[in-house]
């Protein structure tokens, strides 16, 4: 099952939380990025099965990074994460190609349910 996942969040603590949930459930974390620019670079390097992407990040936000990743690989699978329950951002994420949206703080079961639905 080892699906390769890239985690993108400007907060190291959040990356650690997601990584912990994923690794304990048999997924492989192939990289981490702290902003959208690094996320796009790491995506190109690691070619993950899934990207977990925070919306609010410095230098390039998650929605911009999502759009760039979809330009590189239209089949890329991305799940967006954000603490802000802003409807407009959720809608823009989905319209830009995100497969799902998870709200922080993370619920372990919700994270696993979303990942399983998107990549199996």
N, C-alpha and C. Protein backbone atom coordinates (compact mmCIF):
# COMPACT_ATOMS: atom_id res chain seq x y z
N UNK A 1 0.82 -1.20 0.00
CA UNK A 1 0.00 0.00 0.00
C UNK A 1 0.85 1.26 0.00
N UNK A 2 2.09 1.19 0.42
CA UNK A 2 2.93 2.37 0.66
C UNK A 2 2.74 3.49 -0.37
N UNK A 3 1.81 4.37 -0.11
CA UNK A 3 1.58 5.52 -0.98
C UNK A 3 2.52 6.64 -0.54
N UNK A 4 3.13 7.29 -1.50
CA UNK A 4 4.08 8.37 -1.22
C UNK A 4 3.37 9.71 -1.13
N UNK A 5 3.59 10.40 -0.02
CA UNK A 5 2.87 11.64 0.25
C UNK A 5 3.85 12.78 0.55
N UNK A 6 3.56 13.95 -0.01
CA UNK A 6 4.32 15.17 0.25
C UNK A 6 3.47 16.06 1.15
N UNK A 7 4.07 16.55 2.24
CA UNK A 7 3.34 17.39 3.20
C UNK A 7 3.85 18.83 3.09
N UNK A 8 2.92 19.77 2.88
CA UNK A 8 3.28 21.18 2.74
C UNK A 8 2.50 22.02 3.74
N UNK A 9 3.23 22.59 4.71
CA UNK A 9 2.63 23.45 5.72
C UNK A 9 3.74 24.32 6.30
N UNK A 10 3.45 25.59 6.53
CA UNK A 10 4.49 26.48 7.06
C UNK A 10 4.79 26.20 8.54
N UNK A 11 3.91 25.51 9.22
CA UNK A 11 4.13 25.18 10.63
C UNK A 11 4.74 23.78 10.77
N UNK A 12 5.96 23.73 11.28
CA UNK A 12 6.65 22.44 11.45
C UNK A 12 5.82 21.49 12.32
N UNK A 13 5.15 22.02 13.33
CA UNK A 13 4.33 21.21 14.22
C UNK A 13 3.20 20.53 13.45
N UNK A 14 2.57 21.25 12.53
CA UNK A 14 1.48 20.67 11.73
C UNK A 14 2.01 19.58 10.79
N UNK A 15 3.18 19.84 10.19
CA UNK A 15 3.78 18.82 9.31
C UNK A 15 4.06 17.55 10.12
N UNK A 16 4.56 17.75 11.34
CA UNK A 16 4.88 16.61 12.21
C UNK A 16 3.60 15.83 12.57
N UNK A 17 2.53 16.55 12.87
CA UNK A 17 1.26 15.89 13.22
C UNK A 17 0.73 15.05 12.06
N UNK A 18 0.72 15.63 10.86
CA UNK A 18 0.21 14.90 9.69
C UNK A 18 1.12 13.70 9.40
N UNK A 19 2.43 13.94 9.45
CA UNK A 19 3.39 12.86 9.17
C UNK A 19 3.17 11.70 10.13
N UNK A 20 2.98 12.00 11.41
CA UNK A 20 2.77 10.99 12.43
C UNK A 20 1.53 10.15 12.11
N UNK A 21 0.44 10.81 11.77
CA UNK A 21 -0.81 10.11 11.43
C UNK A 21 -0.58 9.19 10.22
N UNK A 22 0.05 9.73 9.18
CA UNK A 22 0.24 8.97 7.94
C UNK A 22 1.19 7.79 8.12
N UNK A 23 2.35 8.03 8.73
CA UNK A 23 3.36 6.97 8.89
C UNK A 23 2.82 5.83 9.75
N UNK A 24 2.10 6.16 10.83
CA UNK A 24 1.54 5.13 11.71
C UNK A 24 0.47 4.29 11.00
N UNK A 25 0.00 4.77 9.85
CA UNK A 25 -1.03 4.04 9.12
C UNK A 25 -0.53 3.53 7.77
N UNK A 26 0.79 3.36 7.66
CA UNK A 26 1.37 2.68 6.51
C UNK A 26 1.70 3.53 5.31
N UNK A 27 1.56 4.84 5.41
CA UNK A 27 1.91 5.70 4.28
C UNK A 27 3.36 6.15 4.40
N UNK A 28 3.96 6.53 3.29
CA UNK A 28 5.34 7.00 3.27
C UNK A 28 5.36 8.49 2.97
N UNK A 29 6.03 9.27 3.82
CA UNK A 29 6.16 10.71 3.58
C UNK A 29 7.47 10.91 2.84
N UNK A 30 7.38 11.35 1.57
CA UNK A 30 8.58 11.48 0.72
C UNK A 30 9.21 12.86 0.79
N UNK A 31 8.52 13.82 1.43
CA UNK A 31 9.09 15.15 1.54
C UNK A 31 8.19 16.07 2.32
N UNK A 32 8.79 17.20 2.73
CA UNK A 32 8.04 18.23 3.44
C UNK A 32 8.44 19.58 2.86
N UNK A 33 7.49 20.51 2.83
CA UNK A 33 7.77 21.86 2.34
C UNK A 33 7.11 22.87 3.27
N UNK A 34 7.79 24.01 3.47
CA UNK A 34 7.26 25.02 4.39
C UNK A 34 6.62 26.20 3.68
N UNK A 35 6.63 26.20 2.34
CA UNK A 35 5.92 27.23 1.59
C UNK A 35 5.57 26.71 0.20
N UNK A 36 4.78 27.47 -0.52
CA UNK A 36 4.30 27.02 -1.83
C UNK A 36 5.40 26.82 -2.86
N UNK A 37 6.41 27.67 -2.82
CA UNK A 37 7.52 27.55 -3.78
C UNK A 37 8.24 26.22 -3.57
N UNK A 38 8.55 25.92 -2.30
CA UNK A 38 9.22 24.65 -1.97
C UNK A 38 8.31 23.46 -2.31
N UNK A 39 7.00 23.64 -2.11
CA UNK A 39 6.05 22.57 -2.40
C UNK A 39 6.12 22.17 -3.87
N UNK A 40 6.15 23.17 -4.75
CA UNK A 40 6.22 22.90 -6.19
C UNK A 40 7.55 22.22 -6.53
N UNK A 41 8.66 22.71 -5.94
CA UNK A 41 9.98 22.11 -6.18
C UNK A 41 9.99 20.65 -5.71
N UNK A 42 9.50 20.41 -4.49
CA UNK A 42 9.50 19.05 -3.93
C UNK A 42 8.58 18.13 -4.72
N UNK A 43 7.47 18.67 -5.22
CA UNK A 43 6.55 17.86 -6.03
C UNK A 43 7.29 17.36 -7.27
N UNK A 44 8.02 18.27 -7.93
CA UNK A 44 8.75 17.91 -9.14
C UNK A 44 9.83 16.87 -8.84
N UNK A 45 10.52 17.02 -7.70
CA UNK A 45 11.58 16.09 -7.30
C UNK A 45 11.05 14.71 -6.92
N UNK A 46 9.99 14.69 -6.10
CA UNK A 46 9.56 13.42 -5.49
C UNK A 46 8.43 12.71 -6.23
N UNK A 47 7.69 13.42 -7.06
CA UNK A 47 6.54 12.86 -7.79
C UNK A 47 5.65 12.00 -6.88
N UNK A 48 5.09 12.61 -5.82
CA UNK A 48 4.30 11.85 -4.85
C UNK A 48 2.94 11.41 -5.40
N UNK A 49 2.35 10.41 -4.74
CA UNK A 49 0.99 9.97 -5.09
C UNK A 49 -0.04 10.98 -4.61
N UNK A 50 0.33 11.76 -3.59
CA UNK A 50 -0.60 12.71 -2.98
C UNK A 50 0.17 13.85 -2.34
N UNK A 51 -0.42 15.05 -2.40
CA UNK A 51 0.12 16.22 -1.71
C UNK A 51 -0.90 16.68 -0.69
N UNK A 52 -0.45 16.86 0.56
CA UNK A 52 -1.27 17.47 1.61
C UNK A 52 -0.80 18.91 1.70
N UNK A 53 -1.65 19.88 1.35
CA UNK A 53 -1.22 21.27 1.17
C UNK A 53 -2.00 22.23 2.05
N UNK A 54 -1.28 22.99 2.87
CA UNK A 54 -1.89 24.06 3.65
C UNK A 54 -2.23 25.21 2.70
N UNK A 55 -3.28 25.96 2.97
CA UNK A 55 -3.63 27.09 2.12
C UNK A 55 -2.78 28.31 2.46
N UNK A 56 -2.69 28.62 3.75
CA UNK A 56 -2.00 29.85 4.16
C UNK A 56 -0.54 29.58 4.44
N UNK A 57 0.32 30.00 3.48
CA UNK A 57 1.77 29.84 3.63
C UNK A 57 2.46 31.07 3.07
N UNK A 58 3.69 31.33 3.54
CA UNK A 58 4.44 32.48 3.01
C UNK A 58 4.98 32.23 1.61
N UNK A 59 5.39 33.28 0.95
CA UNK A 59 6.04 33.27 -0.37
C UNK A 59 5.11 32.88 -1.51
N UNK A 60 4.42 31.77 -1.38
CA UNK A 60 3.40 31.37 -2.34
C UNK A 60 2.37 30.57 -1.56
N UNK A 61 1.11 30.97 -1.62
CA UNK A 61 0.10 30.25 -0.83
C UNK A 61 -0.24 28.91 -1.47
N UNK A 62 -1.01 28.12 -0.74
CA UNK A 62 -1.33 26.77 -1.19
C UNK A 62 -2.16 26.72 -2.46
N UNK A 63 -3.04 27.69 -2.66
CA UNK A 63 -3.86 27.68 -3.87
C UNK A 63 -3.00 27.96 -5.09
N UNK A 64 -2.07 28.91 -4.99
CA UNK A 64 -1.14 29.18 -6.10
C UNK A 64 -0.28 27.96 -6.38
N UNK A 65 0.22 27.32 -5.30
CA UNK A 65 1.05 26.12 -5.46
C UNK A 65 0.24 24.98 -6.09
N UNK A 66 -1.01 24.83 -5.67
CA UNK A 66 -1.90 23.82 -6.25
C UNK A 66 -2.02 24.03 -7.76
N UNK A 67 -2.25 25.27 -8.17
CA UNK A 67 -2.40 25.58 -9.60
C UNK A 67 -1.12 25.25 -10.37
N UNK A 68 0.04 25.58 -9.79
CA UNK A 68 1.34 25.28 -10.45
C UNK A 68 1.54 23.76 -10.56
N UNK A 69 1.22 23.04 -9.48
CA UNK A 69 1.38 21.59 -9.49
C UNK A 69 0.47 20.97 -10.55
N UNK A 70 -0.76 21.47 -10.67
CA UNK A 70 -1.69 20.94 -11.67
C UNK A 70 -1.22 21.26 -13.09
N UNK A 71 -0.47 22.38 -13.26
CA UNK A 71 0.12 22.69 -14.57
C UNK A 71 1.20 21.65 -14.91
N UNK A 72 2.02 21.30 -13.90
CA UNK A 72 3.10 20.33 -14.08
C UNK A 72 2.51 18.94 -14.35
N UNK A 73 1.50 18.57 -13.55
CA UNK A 73 0.89 17.25 -13.67
C UNK A 73 -0.62 17.37 -13.45
N UNK A 74 -1.39 17.43 -14.54
CA UNK A 74 -2.84 17.58 -14.40
C UNK A 74 -3.51 16.46 -13.59
N UNK A 75 -2.83 15.32 -13.48
CA UNK A 75 -3.39 14.18 -12.72
C UNK A 75 -3.00 14.21 -11.25
N UNK A 76 -2.23 15.21 -10.84
CA UNK A 76 -1.77 15.30 -9.44
C UNK A 76 -2.96 15.30 -8.48
N UNK A 77 -2.78 14.60 -7.37
CA UNK A 77 -3.83 14.53 -6.34
C UNK A 77 -3.40 15.39 -5.15
N UNK A 78 -4.23 16.35 -4.80
CA UNK A 78 -3.91 17.29 -3.72
C UNK A 78 -5.09 17.40 -2.76
N UNK A 79 -4.80 17.30 -1.47
CA UNK A 79 -5.80 17.55 -0.43
C UNK A 79 -5.37 18.84 0.27
N UNK A 80 -6.26 19.82 0.32
CA UNK A 80 -5.96 21.10 0.94
C UNK A 80 -6.29 21.05 2.43
N UNK A 81 -5.50 21.79 3.22
CA UNK A 81 -5.70 21.87 4.66
C UNK A 81 -5.69 23.34 5.07
N UNK A 82 -6.54 23.71 5.98
CA UNK A 82 -6.51 25.07 6.48
C UNK A 82 -7.24 25.20 7.80
N UNK A 83 -6.77 26.12 8.61
CA UNK A 83 -7.45 26.39 9.88
C UNK A 83 -8.66 27.28 9.64
N UNK A 84 -8.62 27.99 8.55
CA UNK A 84 -9.71 28.92 8.28
C UNK A 84 -10.84 28.22 7.55
N UNK A 85 -12.03 28.28 8.11
CA UNK A 85 -13.17 27.66 7.47
C UNK A 85 -13.79 28.61 6.46
N UNK A 86 -12.95 29.27 5.67
CA UNK A 86 -13.47 30.24 4.72
C UNK A 86 -14.00 29.53 3.48
N UNK A 87 -15.29 29.66 3.28
CA UNK A 87 -15.97 29.00 2.19
C UNK A 87 -15.35 29.32 0.83
N UNK A 88 -14.99 30.59 0.62
CA UNK A 88 -14.43 31.00 -0.67
C UNK A 88 -13.13 30.24 -0.99
N UNK A 89 -12.30 30.04 0.05
CA UNK A 89 -11.03 29.33 -0.18
C UNK A 89 -11.27 27.85 -0.47
N UNK A 90 -12.24 27.27 0.20
CA UNK A 90 -12.58 25.86 -0.05
C UNK A 90 -13.04 25.72 -1.50
N UNK A 91 -13.93 26.60 -1.91
CA UNK A 91 -14.47 26.55 -3.28
C UNK A 91 -13.35 26.77 -4.30
N UNK A 92 -12.49 27.77 -4.07
CA UNK A 92 -11.40 28.02 -5.00
C UNK A 92 -10.45 26.83 -5.08
N UNK A 93 -10.17 26.20 -3.94
CA UNK A 93 -9.31 25.02 -3.92
C UNK A 93 -9.88 23.90 -4.78
N UNK A 94 -11.15 23.61 -4.58
CA UNK A 94 -11.80 22.53 -5.33
C UNK A 94 -11.85 22.88 -6.82
N UNK A 95 -12.19 24.13 -7.14
CA UNK A 95 -12.23 24.55 -8.55
C UNK A 95 -10.85 24.48 -9.19
N UNK A 96 -9.81 24.66 -8.37
CA UNK A 96 -8.44 24.63 -8.89
C UNK A 96 -7.90 23.20 -8.98
N UNK A 97 -8.68 22.23 -8.56
CA UNK A 97 -8.28 20.84 -8.75
C UNK A 97 -8.02 20.04 -7.50
N UNK A 98 -8.23 20.62 -6.31
CA UNK A 98 -8.03 19.84 -5.09
C UNK A 98 -9.07 18.73 -5.01
N UNK A 99 -8.66 17.59 -4.48
CA UNK A 99 -9.56 16.43 -4.38
C UNK A 99 -10.39 16.44 -3.11
N UNK A 100 -9.90 17.15 -2.08
CA UNK A 100 -10.61 17.18 -0.80
C UNK A 100 -10.08 18.34 0.01
N UNK A 101 -10.70 18.59 1.16
CA UNK A 101 -10.34 19.71 2.02
C UNK A 101 -10.46 19.26 3.46
N UNK A 102 -9.42 19.48 4.25
CA UNK A 102 -9.42 19.10 5.67
C UNK A 102 -9.22 20.35 6.51
N UNK A 103 -10.00 20.47 7.57
CA UNK A 103 -9.90 21.63 8.45
C UNK A 103 -9.03 21.29 9.67
N UNK A 104 -8.16 22.25 10.05
CA UNK A 104 -7.35 22.11 11.27
C UNK A 104 -8.19 22.57 12.44
N UNK A 105 -7.98 22.07 13.65
CA UNK A 105 -6.99 21.04 13.99
C UNK A 105 -7.39 19.70 13.39
N UNK A 106 -6.40 18.91 13.05
CA UNK A 106 -6.66 17.66 12.34
C UNK A 106 -7.33 16.61 13.20
N UNK A 107 -8.33 16.00 12.63
CA UNK A 107 -8.96 14.83 13.22
C UNK A 107 -8.35 13.62 12.52
N UNK A 108 -7.69 12.76 13.26
CA UNK A 108 -6.98 11.62 12.70
C UNK A 108 -7.85 10.83 11.72
N UNK A 109 -9.06 10.51 12.13
CA UNK A 109 -9.94 9.71 11.28
C UNK A 109 -10.32 10.44 9.99
N UNK A 110 -10.52 11.75 10.09
CA UNK A 110 -10.88 12.54 8.91
C UNK A 110 -9.70 12.60 7.93
N UNK A 111 -8.49 12.75 8.45
CA UNK A 111 -7.29 12.76 7.59
C UNK A 111 -7.18 11.43 6.86
N UNK A 112 -7.28 10.34 7.59
CA UNK A 112 -7.14 9.01 6.98
C UNK A 112 -8.26 8.72 5.99
N UNK A 113 -9.46 9.15 6.33
CA UNK A 113 -10.60 8.95 5.43
C UNK A 113 -10.36 9.69 4.09
N UNK A 114 -9.90 10.93 4.16
CA UNK A 114 -9.64 11.73 2.96
C UNK A 114 -8.52 11.10 2.13
N UNK A 115 -7.43 10.71 2.80
CA UNK A 115 -6.28 10.13 2.09
C UNK A 115 -6.71 8.82 1.42
N UNK A 116 -7.42 7.99 2.16
CA UNK A 116 -7.86 6.69 1.62
C UNK A 116 -8.79 6.89 0.41
N UNK A 117 -9.67 7.87 0.51
CA UNK A 117 -10.61 8.14 -0.59
C UNK A 117 -9.88 8.62 -1.85
N UNK A 118 -8.84 9.42 -1.65
CA UNK A 118 -8.14 10.01 -2.79
C UNK A 118 -7.10 9.06 -3.41
N UNK A 119 -6.33 8.35 -2.59
CA UNK A 119 -5.28 7.48 -3.15
C UNK A 119 -5.40 6.01 -2.78
N UNK A 120 -6.35 5.66 -1.95
CA UNK A 120 -6.53 4.25 -1.60
C UNK A 120 -5.67 3.81 -0.46
